PDB file of N, CA and C in Angstrom:
ATOM      1  N   MET A   1    -198.061-298.844 -12.257  1.00  0.00           N
ATOM      2  CA  MET A   1    -198.007-298.632 -13.686  1.00  0.00           C
ATOM      3  C   MET A   1    -199.402-298.288 -14.194  1.00  0.00           C
ATOM      4  N   SER A   2    -199.493-297.251 -14.966  1.00  0.00           N
ATOM      5  CA  SER A   2    -200.795-296.840 -15.485  1.00  0.00           C
ATOM      6  C   SER A   2    -201.127-297.607 -16.756  1.00  0.00           C
ATOM      7  N   THR A   3    -202.401-297.781 -16.972  1.00  0.00           N
ATOM      8  CA  THR A   3    -202.826-298.465 -18.197  1.00  0.00           C
ATOM      9  C   THR A   3    -202.844-297.465 -19.338  1.00  0.00           C
ATOM     10  N   PRO A   4    -202.486-297.913 -20.533  1.00  0.00           N
ATOM     11  CA  PRO A   4    -202.484-296.988 -21.669  1.00  0.00           C
ATOM     12  C   PRO A   4    -203.897-296.500 -21.976  1.00  0.00           C
ATOM     13  N   ARG A   5    -203.968-295.241 -22.411  1.00  0.00           N
ATOM     14  CA  ARG A   5    -205.250-294.672 -22.797  1.00  0.00           C
ATOM     15  C   ARG A   5    -205.760-295.339 -24.066  1.00  0.00           C
ATOM     16  N   LYS A   6    -207.004-295.658 -24.075  1.00  0.00           N
ATOM     17  CA  LYS A   6    -207.593-296.248 -25.273  1.00  0.00           C
ATOM     18  C   LYS A   6    -207.989-295.124 -26.221  1.00  0.00           C
ATOM     19  N   ARG A   7    -207.531-295.228 -27.475  1.00  0.00           N
ATOM     20  CA  ARG A   7    -207.866-294.211 -28.470  1.00  0.00           C
ATOM     21  C   ARG A   7    -209.263-294.440 -28.999  1.00  0.00           C
ATOM     22  N   LYS A   8    -209.938-293.336 -29.263  1.00  0.00           N
ATOM     23  CA  LYS A   8    -211.261-293.433 -29.872  1.00  0.00           C
ATOM     24  C   LYS A   8    -211.116-293.899 -31.311  1.00  0.00           C
ATOM     25  N   ASN A   9    -212.144-294.548 -31.792  1.00  0.00           N
ATOM     26  CA  ASN A   9    -212.151-294.966 -33.189  1.00  0.00           C
ATOM     27  C   ASN A   9    -212.164-293.738 -34.085  1.00  0.00           C
ATOM     28  N   PRO A  10    -211.381-293.760 -35.159  1.00  0.00           N
ATOM     29  CA  PRO A  10    -211.452-292.641 -36.104  1.00  0.00           C
ATOM     30  C   PRO A  10    -212.861-292.539 -36.690  1.00  0.00           C
ATOM     31  N   LYS A  11    -213.217-291.333 -37.126  1.00  0.00           N
ATOM     32  CA  LYS A  11    -214.556-291.096 -37.670  1.00  0.00           C
ATOM     33  C   LYS A  11    -214.863-291.993 -38.861  1.00  0.00           C
ATOM     34  N   TRP A  12    -213.835-292.290 -39.660  1.00  0.00           N
ATOM     35  CA  TRP A  12    -214.111-293.074 -40.866  1.00  0.00           C
ATOM     36  C   TRP A  12    -214.490-294.505 -40.537  1.00  0.00           C
ATOM     37  N   LYS A  13    -214.157-295.000 -39.324  1.00  0.00           N
ATOM     38  CA  LYS A  13    -214.562-296.362 -38.973  1.00  0.00           C
ATOM     39  C   LYS A  13    -216.057-296.433 -38.694  1.00  0.00           C
ATOM     40  N   ASP A  14    -216.630-295.310 -38.244  1.00  0.00           N
ATOM     41  CA  ASP A  14    -218.062-295.272 -37.990  1.00  0.00           C
ATOM     42  C   ASP A  14    -218.856-295.159 -39.281  1.00  0.00           C
ATOM     43  N   ASN A  15    -218.284-294.501 -40.270  1.00  0.00           N
ATOM     44  CA  ASN A  15    -218.973-294.263 -41.533  1.00  0.00           C
ATOM     45  C   ASN A  15    -218.053-294.688 -42.679  1.00  0.00           C
ATOM     46  N   GLN A  16    -218.214-295.897 -43.149  1.00  0.00           N
ATOM     47  CA  GLN A  16    -217.345-296.430 -44.195  1.00  0.00           C
ATOM     48  C   GLN A  16    -217.463-295.641 -45.492  1.00  0.00           C
ATOM     49  N   GLU A  17    -218.634-295.061 -45.770  1.00  0.00           N
ATOM     50  CA  GLU A  17    -218.811-294.261 -46.980  1.00  0.00           C
ATOM     51  C   GLU A  17    -217.942-293.015 -46.937  1.00  0.00           C
ATOM     52  N   ALA A  18    -217.752-292.446 -45.742  1.00  0.00           N
ATOM     53  CA  ALA A  18    -216.939-291.230 -45.602  1.00  0.00           C
ATOM     54  C   ALA A  18    -215.467-291.535 -45.841  1.00  0.00           C
ATOM     55  N   ALA A  19    -215.056-292.787 -45.701  1.00  0.00           N
ATOM     56  CA  ALA A  19    -213.657-293.157 -45.873  1.00  0.00           C
ATOM     57  C   ALA A  19    -213.276-293.278 -47.343  1.00  0.00           C
ATOM     58  N   LYS A  20    -214.240-293.362 -48.233  1.00  0.00           N
ATOM     59  CA  LYS A  20    -213.953-293.518 -49.659  1.00  0.00           C
ATOM     60  C   LYS A  20    -213.570-292.172 -50.262  1.00  0.00           C
ATOM     61  N   LEU A  21    -212.562-292.199 -51.114  1.00  0.00           N
ATOM     62  CA  LEU A  21    -212.131-290.979 -51.795  1.00  0.00           C
ATOM     63  C   LEU A  21    -212.839-290.861 -53.136  1.00  0.00           C
ATOM     64  N   THR A  22    -213.157-289.641 -53.496  1.00  0.00           N
ATOM     65  CA  THR A  22    -213.744-289.401 -54.811  1.00  0.00           C
ATOM     66  C   THR A  22    -212.624-289.409 -55.845  1.00  0.00           C
ATOM     67  N   PRO A  23    -212.942-289.584 -57.123  1.00  0.00           N
ATOM     68  CA  PRO A  23    -211.896-289.519 -58.149  1.00  0.00           C
ATOM     69  C   PRO A  23    -211.131-288.197 -58.119  1.00  0.00           C
ATOM     70  N   LEU A  24    -211.822-287.103 -57.804  1.00  0.00           N
ATOM     71  CA  LEU A  24    -211.153-285.808 -57.714  1.00  0.00           C
ATOM     72  C   LEU A  24    -210.146-285.794 -56.570  1.00  0.00           C
ATOM     73  N   GLN A  25    -210.516-286.340 -55.414  1.00  0.00           N
ATOM     74  CA  GLN A  25    -209.605-286.383 -54.278  1.00  0.00           C
ATOM     75  C   GLN A  25    -208.386-287.257 -54.583  1.00  0.00           C
ATOM     76  N   VAL A  26    -208.611-288.368 -55.258  1.00  0.00           N
ATOM     77  CA  VAL A  26    -207.494-289.239 -55.641  1.00  0.00           C
ATOM     78  C   VAL A  26    -206.557-288.492 -56.580  1.00  0.00           C
ATOM     79  N   SER A  27    -207.121-287.779 -57.540  1.00  0.00           N
ATOM     80  CA  SER A  27    -206.315-287.007 -58.485  1.00  0.00           C
ATOM     81  C   SER A  27    -205.504-285.940 -57.773  1.00  0.00           C
ATOM     82  N   GLN A  28    -206.130-285.237 -56.822  1.00  0.00           N
ATOM     83  CA  GLN A  28    -205.417-284.207 -56.080  1.00  0.00           C
ATOM     84  C   GLN A  28    -204.304-284.804 -55.231  1.00  0.00           C
ATOM     85  N   LEU A  29    -204.549-285.950 -54.634  1.00  0.00           N
ATOM     86  CA  LEU A  29    -203.526-286.623 -53.832  1.00  0.00           C
ATOM     87  C   LEU A  29    -202.351-287.054 -54.701  1.00  0.00           C
ATOM     88  N   ARG A  30    -202.644-287.626 -55.869  1.00  0.00           N
ATOM     89  CA  ARG A  30    -201.569-288.024 -56.799  1.00  0.00           C
ATOM     90  C   ARG A  30    -200.747-286.818 -57.243  1.00  0.00           C
ATOM     91  N   ARG A  31    -201.428-285.701 -57.488  1.00  0.00           N
ATOM     92  CA  ARG A  31    -200.719-284.490 -57.905  1.00  0.00           C
ATOM     93  C   ARG A  31    -199.755-284.024 -56.818  1.00  0.00           C
ATOM     94  N   ARG A  32    -200.223-284.030 -55.562  1.00  0.00           N
ATOM     95  CA  ARG A  32    -199.349-283.606 -54.460  1.00  0.00           C
ATOM     96  C   ARG A  32    -198.172-284.562 -54.303  1.00  0.00           C
ATOM     97  N   LEU A  33    -198.434-285.861 -54.423  1.00  0.00           N
ATOM     98  CA  LEU A  33    -197.339-286.833 -54.355  1.00  0.00           C
ATOM     99  C   LEU A  33    -196.358-286.612 -55.500  1.00  0.00           C
ATOM    100  N   TYR A  34    -196.902-286.352 -56.701  1.00  0.00           N
ATOM    101  CA  TYR A  34    -196.049-286.099 -57.854  1.00  0.00           C
ATOM    102  C   TYR A  34    -195.135-284.906 -57.594  1.00  0.00           C
ATOM    103  N   GLU A  35    -195.670-283.851 -57.010  1.00  0.00           N
ATOM    104  CA  GLU A  35    -194.855-282.664 -56.734  1.00  0.00           C
ATOM    105  C   GLU A  35    -193.707-282.997 -55.793  1.00  0.00           C
ATOM    106  N   HIS A  36    -193.959-283.831 -54.781  1.00  0.00           N
ATOM    107  CA  HIS A  36    -192.896-284.223 -53.850  1.00  0.00           C
ATOM    108  C   HIS A  36    -191.854-285.091 -54.551  1.00  0.00           C
ATOM    109  N   VAL A  37    -192.320-286.022 -55.356  1.00  0.00           N
ATOM    110  CA  VAL A  37    -191.388-286.904 -56.068  1.00  0.00           C
ATOM    111  C   VAL A  37    -190.574-286.102 -57.071  1.00  0.00           C
ATOM    112  N   ASP A  38    -191.229-285.176 -57.773  1.00  0.00           N
ATOM    113  CA  ASP A  38    -190.542-284.359 -58.769  1.00  0.00           C
ATOM    114  C   ASP A  38    -189.390-283.571 -58.145  1.00  0.00           C
ATOM    115  N   GLU A  39    -189.593-283.105 -56.910  1.00  0.00           N
ATOM    116  CA  GLU A  39    -188.543-282.368 -56.214  1.00  0.00           C
ATOM    117  C   GLU A  39    -187.331-283.260 -55.913  1.00  0.00           C
ATOM    118  N   GLN A  40    -187.545-284.561 -55.802  1.00  0.00           N
ATOM    119  CA  GLN A  40    -186.483-285.486 -55.393  1.00  0.00           C
ATOM    120  C   GLN A  40    -185.808-286.215 -56.556  1.00  0.00           C
ATOM    121  N   VAL A  41    -186.306-286.043 -57.765  1.00  0.00           N
ATOM    122  CA  VAL A  41    -185.767-286.796 -58.901  1.00  0.00           C
ATOM    123  C   VAL A  41    -184.286-286.483 -59.141  1.00  0.00           C
ATOM    124  N   GLU A  42    -183.913-285.216 -59.078  1.00  0.00           N
ATOM    125  CA  GLU A  42    -182.499-284.848 -59.282  1.00  0.00           C
ATOM    126  C   GLU A  42    -181.619-285.484 -58.218  1.00  0.00           C
ATOM    127  N   GLU A  43    -182.109-285.460 -56.981  1.00  0.00           N
ATOM    128  CA  GLU A  43    -181.345-286.067 -55.898  1.00  0.00           C
ATOM    129  C   GLU A  43    -181.228-287.579 -56.100  1.00  0.00           C
ATOM    130  N   ALA A  44    -182.312-288.213 -56.530  1.00  0.00           N
ATOM    131  CA  ALA A  44    -182.279-289.650 -56.797  1.00  0.00           C
ATOM    132  C   ALA A  44    -181.314-289.968 -57.936  1.00  0.00           C
ATOM    133  N   HIS A  45    -181.261-289.095 -58.932  1.00  0.00           N
ATOM    134  CA  HIS A  45    -180.314-289.296 -60.026  1.00  0.00           C
ATOM    135  C   HIS A  45    -178.875-289.249 -59.493  1.00  0.00           C
ATOM    136  N   GLY A  46    -178.610-288.325 -58.572  1.00  0.00           N
ATOM    137  CA  GLY A  46    -177.288-288.256 -57.955  1.00  0.00           C
ATOM    138  C   GLY A  46    -176.946-289.522 -57.198  1.00  0.00           C
ATOM    139  N   VAL A  47    -177.927-290.143 -56.574  1.00  0.00           N
ATOM    140  CA  VAL A  47    -177.707-291.413 -55.863  1.00  0.00           C
ATOM    141  C   VAL A  47    -177.358-292.509 -56.865  1.00  0.00           C
ATOM    142  N   VAL A  48    -178.116-292.566 -57.955  1.00  0.00           N
ATOM    143  CA  VAL A  48    -177.873-293.598 -58.983  1.00  0.00           C
ATOM    144  C   VAL A  48    -176.484-293.429 -59.597  1.00  0.00           C
ATOM    145  N   MET A  49    -176.065-292.181 -59.799  1.00  0.00           N
ATOM    146  CA  MET A  49    -174.763-291.921 -60.418  1.00  0.00           C
ATOM    147  C   MET A  49    -173.609-292.005 -59.415  1.00  0.00           C
ATOM    148  N   GLY A  50    -173.913-292.235 -58.127  1.00  0.00           N
ATOM    149  CA  GLY A  50    -172.862-292.411 -57.129  1.00  0.00           C
ATOM    150  C   GLY A  50    -172.346-291.112 -56.523  1.00  0.00           C
ATOM    151  N   ARG A  51    -172.965-289.992 -56.821  1.00  0.00           N
ATOM    152  CA  ARG A  51    -172.528-288.713 -56.258  1.00  0.00           C
ATOM    153  C   ARG A  51    -173.103-288.469 -54.871  1.00  0.00           C
ATOM    154  N   LYS A  52    -174.117-289.225 -54.484  1.00  0.00           N
ATOM    155  CA  LYS A  52    -174.797-289.022 -53.203  1.00  0.00           C
ATOM    156  C   LYS A  52    -175.158-290.384 -52.626  1.00  0.00           C
ATOM    157  N   GLN A  53    -175.281-290.444 -51.332  1.00  0.00           N
ATOM    158  CA  GLN A  53    -175.654-291.686 -50.649  1.00  0.00           C
ATOM    159  C   GLN A  53    -177.027-291.535 -49.997  1.00  0.00           C
ATOM    160  N   TRP A  54    -177.845-292.543 -50.129  1.00  0.00           N
ATOM    161  CA  TRP A  54    -179.119-292.608 -49.423  1.00  0.00           C
ATOM    162  C   TRP A  54    -179.112-293.848 -48.554  1.00  0.00           C
ATOM    163  N   SER A  55    -179.809-293.777 -47.433  1.00  0.00           N
ATOM    164  CA  SER A  55    -179.974-294.977 -46.605  1.00  0.00           C
ATOM    165  C   SER A  55    -180.994-295.883 -47.296  1.00  0.00           C
ATOM    166  N   PRO A  56    -181.015-297.157 -46.943  1.00  0.00           N
ATOM    167  CA  PRO A  56    -182.024-298.046 -47.537  1.00  0.00           C
ATOM    168  C   PRO A  56    -183.452-297.543 -47.281  1.00  0.00           C
ATOM    169  N   THR A  57    -183.686-296.952 -46.120  1.00  0.00           N
ATOM    170  CA  THR A  57    -185.022-296.432 -45.804  1.00  0.00           C
ATOM    171  C   THR A  57    -185.391-295.287 -46.736  1.00  0.00           C
ATOM    172  N   GLN A  58    -184.445-294.379 -46.986  1.00  0.00           N
ATOM    173  CA  GLN A  58    -184.714-293.267 -47.896  1.00  0.00           C
ATOM    174  C   GLN A  58    -185.028-293.779 -49.296  1.00  0.00           C
ATOM    175  N   ALA A  59    -184.288-294.781 -49.738  1.00  0.00           N
ATOM    176  CA  ALA A  59    -184.516-295.345 -51.069  1.00  0.00           C
ATOM    177  C   ALA A  59    -185.887-296.010 -51.151  1.00  0.00           C
ATOM    178  N   ARG A  60    -186.288-296.728 -50.084  1.00  0.00           N
ATOM    179  CA  ARG A  60    -187.606-297.381 -50.092  1.00  0.00           C
ATOM    180  C   ARG A  60    -188.734-296.357 -50.100  1.00  0.00           C
ATOM    181  N   VAL A  61    -188.569-295.287 -49.328  1.00  0.00           N
ATOM    182  CA  VAL A  61    -189.608-294.252 -49.296  1.00  0.00           C
ATOM    183  C   VAL A  61    -189.753-293.610 -50.676  1.00  0.00           C
ATOM    184  N   PHE A  62    -188.618-293.278 -51.306  1.00  0.00           N
ATOM    185  CA  PHE A  62    -188.683-292.679 -52.645  1.00  0.00           C
ATOM    186  C   PHE A  62    -189.324-293.655 -53.629  1.00  0.00           C
ATOM    187  N   SER A  63    -188.950-294.911 -53.543  1.00  0.00           N
ATOM    188  CA  SER A  63    -189.520-295.928 -54.435  1.00  0.00           C
ATOM    189  C   SER A  63    -191.030-296.055 -54.227  1.00  0.00           C
ATOM    190  N   SER A  64    -191.467-296.051 -52.984  1.00  0.00           N
ATOM    191  CA  SER A  64    -192.908-296.153 -52.698  1.00  0.00           C
ATOM    192  C   SER A  64    -193.661-294.957 -53.258  1.00  0.00           C
ATOM    193  N   MET A  65    -193.113-293.764 -53.053  1.00  0.00           N
ATOM    194  CA  MET A  65    -193.778-292.567 -53.565  1.00  0.00           C
ATOM    195  C   MET A  65    -193.798-292.566 -55.086  1.00  0.00           C
ATOM    196  N   LEU A  66    -192.700-292.983 -55.697  1.00  0.00           N
ATOM    197  CA  LEU A  66    -192.642-293.041 -57.155  1.00  0.00           C
ATOM    198  C   LEU A  66    -193.682-294.017 -57.699  1.00  0.00           C
ATOM    199  N   ASN A  67    -193.851-295.164 -57.036  1.00  0.00           N
ATOM    200  CA  ASN A  67    -194.843-296.147 -57.480  1.00  0.00           C
ATOM    201  C   ASN A  67    -196.273-295.641 -57.326  1.00  0.00           C
ATOM    202  N   LYS A  68    -196.509-294.718 -56.411  1.00  0.00           N
ATOM    203  CA  LYS A  68    -197.844-294.137 -56.272  1.00  0.00           C
ATOM    204  C   LYS A  68    -198.136-293.153 -57.403  1.00  0.00           C
ATOM    205  N   VAL A  69    -197.089-292.505 -57.889  1.00  0.00           N
ATOM    206  CA  VAL A  69    -197.256-291.510 -58.947  1.00  0.00           C
ATOM    207  C   VAL A  69    -197.208-292.158 -60.323  1.00  0.00           C
ATOM    208  N   VAL A  70    -196.247-293.048 -60.519  1.00  0.00           N
ATOM    209  CA  VAL A  70    -196.072-293.745 -61.797  1.00  0.00           C
ATOM    210  C   VAL A  70    -196.030-295.243 -61.502  1.00  0.00           C
ATOM    211  N   PRO A  71    -197.187-295.902 -61.505  1.00  0.00           N
ATOM    212  CA  PRO A  71    -197.212-297.340 -61.205  1.00  0.00           C
ATOM    213  C   PRO A  71    -196.396-298.137 -62.219  1.00  0.00           C
ATOM    214  N   ASP A  72    -196.023-299.346 -61.824  1.00  0.00           N
ATOM    215  CA  ASP A  72    -195.268-300.224 -62.720  1.00  0.00           C
ATOM    216  C   ASP A  72    -195.990-300.382 -64.043  1.00  0.00           C
ATOM    217  N   LEU A  73    -195.221-300.389 -65.108  1.00  0.00           N
ATOM    218  CA  LEU A  73    -195.822-300.539 -66.433  1.00  0.00           C
ATOM    219  C   LEU A  73    -196.424-301.918 -66.626  1.00  0.00           C
ATOM    220  N   SER A  74    -195.982-302.883 -65.828  1.00  0.00           N
ATOM    221  CA  SER A  74    -196.514-304.238 -65.961  1.00  0.00           C
ATOM    222  C   SER A  74    -197.857-304.394 -65.245  1.00  0.00           C
ATOM    223  N   ALA A  75    -198.309-303.352 -64.556  1.00  0.00           N
ATOM    224  CA  ALA A  75    -199.589-303.420 -63.848  1.00  0.00           C
ATOM    225  C   ALA A  75    -200.725-303.628 -64.840  1.00  0.00           C
ATOM    226  N   ASN A  76    -201.749-304.309 -64.390  1.00  0.00           N
ATOM    227  CA  ASN A  76    -202.900-304.571 -65.248  1.00  0.00           C
ATOM    228  C   ASN A  76    -203.655-303.283 -65.533  1.00  0.00           C
ATOM    229  N   PHE A  77    -204.170-303.188 -66.737  1.00  0.00           N
ATOM    230  CA  PHE A  77    -204.977-302.050 -67.133  1.00  0.00           C
ATOM    231  C   PHE A  77    -206.350-302.181 -66.490  1.00  0.00           C
ATOM    232  N   THR A  78    -206.809-301.133 -65.848  1.00  0.00           N
ATOM    233  CA  THR A  78    -208.124-301.125 -65.227  1.00  0.00           C
ATOM    234  C   THR A  78    -208.994-300.119 -65.950  1.00  0.00           C
ATOM    235  N   GLN A  79    -210.124-300.575 -66.388  1.00  0.00           N
ATOM    236  CA  GLN A  79    -211.045-299.687 -67.081  1.00  0.00           C
ATOM    237  C   GLN A  79    -212.138-299.277 -66.117  1.00  0.00           C
ATOM    238  N   HIS A  80    -212.360-297.974 -66.010  1.00  0.00           N
ATOM    239  CA  HIS A  80    -213.403-297.451 -65.139  1.00  0.00           C
ATOM    240  C   HIS A  80    -214.647-297.206 -65.966  1.00  0.00           C
ATOM    241  N   GLU A  81    -215.729-297.721 -65.473  1.00  0.00           N
ATOM    242  CA  GLU A  81    -216.998-297.540 -66.172  1.00  0.00           C
ATOM    243  C   GLU A  81    -217.655-296.256 -65.679  1.00  0.00           C
ATOM    244  N   HIS A  82    -218.176-295.479 -66.584  1.00  0.00           N
ATOM    245  CA  HIS A  82    -218.914-294.289 -66.220  1.00  0.00           C
ATOM    246  C   HIS A  82    -220.346-294.677 -65.893  1.00  0.00           C
ATOM    247  N   MET A  83    -220.897-294.034 -64.875  1.00  0.00           N
ATOM    248  CA  MET A  83    -222.259-294.358 -64.465  1.00  0.00           C
ATOM    249  C   MET A  83    -223.277-293.858 -65.483  1.00  0.00           C
ATOM    250  N   ILE A  84    -222.977-292.789 -66.153  1.00  0.00           N
ATOM    251  CA  ILE A  84    -223.936-292.216 -67.096  1.00  0.00           C
ATOM    252  C   ILE A  84    -223.526-292.632 -68.506  1.00  0.00           C
ATOM    253  N   SER A  85    -224.288-293.521 -69.090  1.00  0.00           N
ATOM    254  CA  SER A  85    -223.941-294.001 -70.423  1.00  0.00           C
ATOM    255  C   SER A  85    -224.936-293.535 -71.474  1.00  0.00           C
ATOM    256  N   ASP A  86    -226.004-292.881 -71.029  1.00  0.00           N
ATOM    257  CA  ASP A  86    -227.013-292.422 -71.980  1.00  0.00           C
ATOM    258  C   ASP A  86    -226.556-291.147 -72.679  1.00  0.00           C
ATOM    259  N   ALA A  87    -227.144-290.894 -73.799  1.00  0.00           N
ATOM    260  CA  ALA A  87    -226.904-289.643 -74.515  1.00  0.00           C
ATOM    261  C   ALA A  87    -227.481-288.510 -73.684  1.00  0.00           C
ATOM    262  N   PRO A  88    -226.882-287.325 -73.732  1.00  0.00           N
ATOM    263  CA  PRO A  88    -227.361-286.202 -72.914  1.00  0.00           C
ATOM    264  C   PRO A  88    -228.849-285.894 -73.099  1.00  0.00           C
ATOM    265  N   GLU A  89    -229.356-286.074 -74.313  1.00  0.00           N
ATOM    266  CA  GLU A  89    -230.770-285.755 -74.538  1.00  0.00           C
ATOM    267  C   GLU A  89    -231.715-286.738 -73.834  1.00  0.00           C
ATOM    268  N   LYS A  90    -231.207-287.879 -73.407  1.00  0.00           N
ATOM    269  CA  LYS A  90    -232.034-288.858 -72.700  1.00  0.00           C
ATOM    270  C   LYS A  90    -231.975-288.696 -71.187  1.00  0.00           C
ATOM    271  N   LEU A  91    -231.093-287.808 -70.692  1.00  0.00           N
ATOM    272  CA  LEU A  91    -230.956-287.610 -69.255  1.00  0.00           C
ATOM    273  C   LEU A  91    -232.043-286.682 -68.729  1.00  0.00           C
ATOM    274  N   SER A  92    -232.407-286.906 -67.477  1.00  0.00           N
ATOM    275  CA  SER A  92    -233.401-286.027 -66.851  1.00  0.00           C
ATOM    276  C   SER A  92    -232.743-284.706 -66.465  1.00  0.00           C
ATOM    277  N   ARG A  93    -233.557-283.733 -66.175  1.00  0.00           N
ATOM    278  CA  ARG A  93    -233.034-282.424 -65.750  1.00  0.00           C
ATOM    279  C   ARG A  93    -232.212-282.581 -64.472  1.00  0.00           C
ATOM    280  N   ALA A  94    -232.680-283.404 -63.538  1.00  0.00           N
ATOM    281  CA  ALA A  94    -231.967-283.619 -62.273  1.00  0.00           C
ATOM    282  C   ALA A  94    -230.577-284.216 -62.521  1.00  0.00           C
ATOM    283  N   GLN A  95    -230.495-285.176 -63.459  1.00  0.00           N
ATOM    284  CA  GLN A  95    -229.200-285.782 -63.781  1.00  0.00           C
ATOM    285  C   GLN A  95    -228.263-284.751 -64.409  1.00  0.00           C
ATOM    286  N   LEU A  96    -228.777-283.945 -65.319  1.00  0.00           N
ATOM    287  CA  LEU A  96    -227.954-282.916 -65.957  1.00  0.00           C
ATOM    288  C   LEU A  96    -227.478-281.879 -64.942  1.00  0.00           C
ATOM    289  N   GLU A  97    -228.360-281.490 -64.023  1.00  0.00           N
ATOM    290  CA  GLU A  97    -227.970-280.526 -62.990  1.00  0.00           C
ATOM    291  C   GLU A  97    -226.920-281.113 -62.059  1.00  0.00           C
ATOM    292  N   ALA A  98    -227.020-282.407 -61.762  1.00  0.00           N
ATOM    293  CA  ALA A  98    -226.031-283.058 -60.906  1.00  0.00           C
ATOM    294  C   ALA A  98    -224.661-283.058 -61.583  1.00  0.00           C
ATOM    295  N   ILE A  99    -224.635-283.298 -62.876  1.00  0.00           N
ATOM    296  CA  ILE A  99    -223.380-283.271 -63.629  1.00  0.00           C
ATOM    297  C   ILE A  99    -222.822-281.859 -63.642  1.00  0.00           C
ATOM    298  N   ALA A 100    -223.672-280.896 -63.921  1.00  0.00           N
ATOM    299  CA  ALA A 100    -223.226-279.506 -64.003  1.00  0.00           C
ATOM    300  C   ALA A 100    -222.723-278.996 -62.661  1.00  0.00           C
ATOM    301  N   SER A 101    -223.300-279.464 -61.565  1.00  0.00           N
ATOM    302  CA  SER A 101    -222.887-278.979 -60.241  1.00  0.00           C
ATOM    303  C   SER A 101    -221.474-279.413 -59.884  1.00  0.00           C
ATOM    304  N   THR A 102    -220.950-280.443 -60.520  1.00  0.00           N
ATOM    305  CA  THR A 102    -219.590-280.910 -60.219  1.00  0.00           C
ATOM    306  C   THR A 102    -218.534-280.275 -61.111  1.00  0.00           C
ATOM    307  N   MET A 103    -218.940-279.477 -62.077  1.00  0.00           N
ATOM    308  CA  MET A 103    -217.988-278.909 -63.022  1.00  0.00           C
ATOM    309  C   MET A 103    -216.990-277.978 -62.352  1.00  0.00           C
ATOM    310  N   ASP A 104    -217.392-277.274 -61.306  1.00  0.00           N
ATOM    311  CA  ASP A 104    -216.454-276.384 -60.609  1.00  0.00           C
ATOM    312  C   ASP A 104    -215.305-277.164 -59.991  1.00  0.00           C
ATOM    313  N   ASN A 105    -215.539-278.423 -59.685  1.00  0.00           N
ATOM    314  CA  ASN A 105    -214.506-279.236 -59.047  1.00  0.00           C
ATOM    315  C   ASN A 105    -213.457-279.749 -60.022  1.00  0.00           C
ATOM    316  N   ILE A 106    -213.783-279.838 -61.302  1.00  0.00           N
ATOM    317  CA  ILE A 106    -212.844-280.470 -62.233  1.00  0.00           C
ATOM    318  C   ILE A 106    -212.284-279.527 -63.277  1.00  0.00           C
ATOM    319  N   ILE A 107    -212.903-278.388 -63.469  1.00  0.00           N
ATOM    320  CA  ILE A 107    -212.423-277.473 -64.499  1.00  0.00           C
ATOM    321  C   ILE A 107    -211.725-276.302 -63.839  1.00  0.00           C
ATOM    322  N   ASP A 108    -210.455-276.130 -64.164  1.00  0.00           N
ATOM    323  CA  ASP A 108    -209.693-274.990 -63.673  1.00  0.00           C
ATOM    324  C   ASP A 108    -209.566-274.036 -64.845  1.00  0.00           C
ATOM    325  N   ALA A 109    -210.475-273.079 -64.909  1.00  0.00           N
ATOM    326  CA  ALA A 109    -210.525-272.199 -66.072  1.00  0.00           C
ATOM    327  C   ALA A 109    -210.589-270.753 -65.624  1.00  0.00           C
ATOM    328  N   GLU A 110    -210.258-269.900 -66.534  1.00  0.00           N
ATOM    329  CA  GLU A 110    -210.311-268.474 -66.280  1.00  0.00           C
ATOM    330  C   GLU A 110    -211.453-267.903 -67.104  1.00  0.00           C
ATOM    331  N   LEU A 111    -212.254-267.071 -66.470  1.00  0.00           N
ATOM    332  CA  LEU A 111    -213.387-266.462 -67.142  1.00  0.00           C
ATOM    333  C   LEU A 111    -212.891-265.424 -68.142  1.00  0.00           C
ATOM    334  N   VAL A 112    -213.354-265.539 -69.389  1.00  0.00           N
ATOM    335  CA  VAL A 112    -212.988-264.603 -70.434  1.00  0.00           C
ATOM    336  C   VAL A 112    -214.246-263.929 -70.932  1.00  0.00           C
ATOM    337  N   THR A 113    -214.257-262.620 -70.883  1.00  0.00           N
ATOM    338  CA  THR A 113    -215.427-261.882 -71.350  1.00  0.00           C
ATOM    339  C   THR A 113    -215.309-261.655 -72.858  1.00  0.00           C
ATOM    340  N   GLU A 114    -216.408-261.258 -73.477  1.00  0.00           N
ATOM    341  CA  GLU A 114    -216.394-261.027 -74.918  1.00  0.00           C
ATOM    342  C   GLU A 114    -215.473-259.880 -75.286  1.00  0.00           C
ATOM    343  N   ASP A 115    -215.296-258.913 -74.380  1.00  0.00           N
ATOM    344  CA  ASP A 115    -214.407-257.781 -74.641  1.00  0.00           C
ATOM    345  C   ASP A 115    -212.959-258.217 -74.781  1.00  0.00           C
ATOM    346  N   GLU A 116    -212.574-259.293 -74.089  1.00  0.00           N
ATOM    347  CA  GLU A 116    -211.186-259.760 -74.097  1.00  0.00           C
ATOM    348  C   GLU A 116    -210.856-260.607 -75.311  1.00  0.00           C
ATOM    349  N   VAL A 117    -211.884-261.088 -75.994  1.00  0.00           N
ATOM    350  CA  VAL A 117    -211.657-261.981 -77.136  1.00  0.00           C
ATOM    351  C   VAL A 117    -211.222-261.263 -78.342  1.00  0.00           C
TER     352      VAL A 117
END
């Protein structure tokens, strides 16, 4: 009998900082989960109304995904503190440039020229 192969540690175990998701990544993940759940809502409605049958596993998976997209209303409110609390005029140039460099990641906009206005 052969011994099972030992798996290498995933990269994120070596670098705990790399395992953390940014707020943008969390938002993108929630959006993708929402799209999957949204596709299944009509089917879930059919299950509730008795027109369709789901296995207990299917129901648990849908419930888990739904809770990731729309958490229970009884969940505690969590307030996120922003790291930058100073007025923009008090920030250094480096801080302002760091903020500006992330704008491409959060703003989905279309460039409009003055001719189009």
